[in-house]
């Protein structure tokens, strides 16, 4: 049974930092590309960052590039998202996810809209990130 469990969300001030973690189980973690997605209040699902299985190749949507860093530890079966210089528009529920077609999803630099059913095999329950002064 595949499980993706996120942690690390919370309240941060603009310009602050948070680090999200995702513990994965139930599948061969190192052989799959993984991603983070988010959903802001009243908005659709948005892909944020992706990483291939070996951890060497990472991709980001334009809105977070240079501020967020995705990484993984395949021994610990854990996915991370380091978020720096947070902005109020980063406020959202953040999901750890396993994409169906990473080549397609990770190519969406400026239009990061994602579909739950079309783009992901699995999605965690999410962790809330709120950026506010």
Foldseek 3Di string as FASTA:
>chain_A
DWAWDKDWADEAAQQAKTKMKIAIDDDQLLQFKKFKWWDAVPGAIFTAKIAGSVFPDIAGAQVQPPFKDWGDDSVRRMIMIIGGSDDQVVWTWMKIFTFPDCVVQRVNHHGGGDDPVHTTPDIHPTDTHGYHD
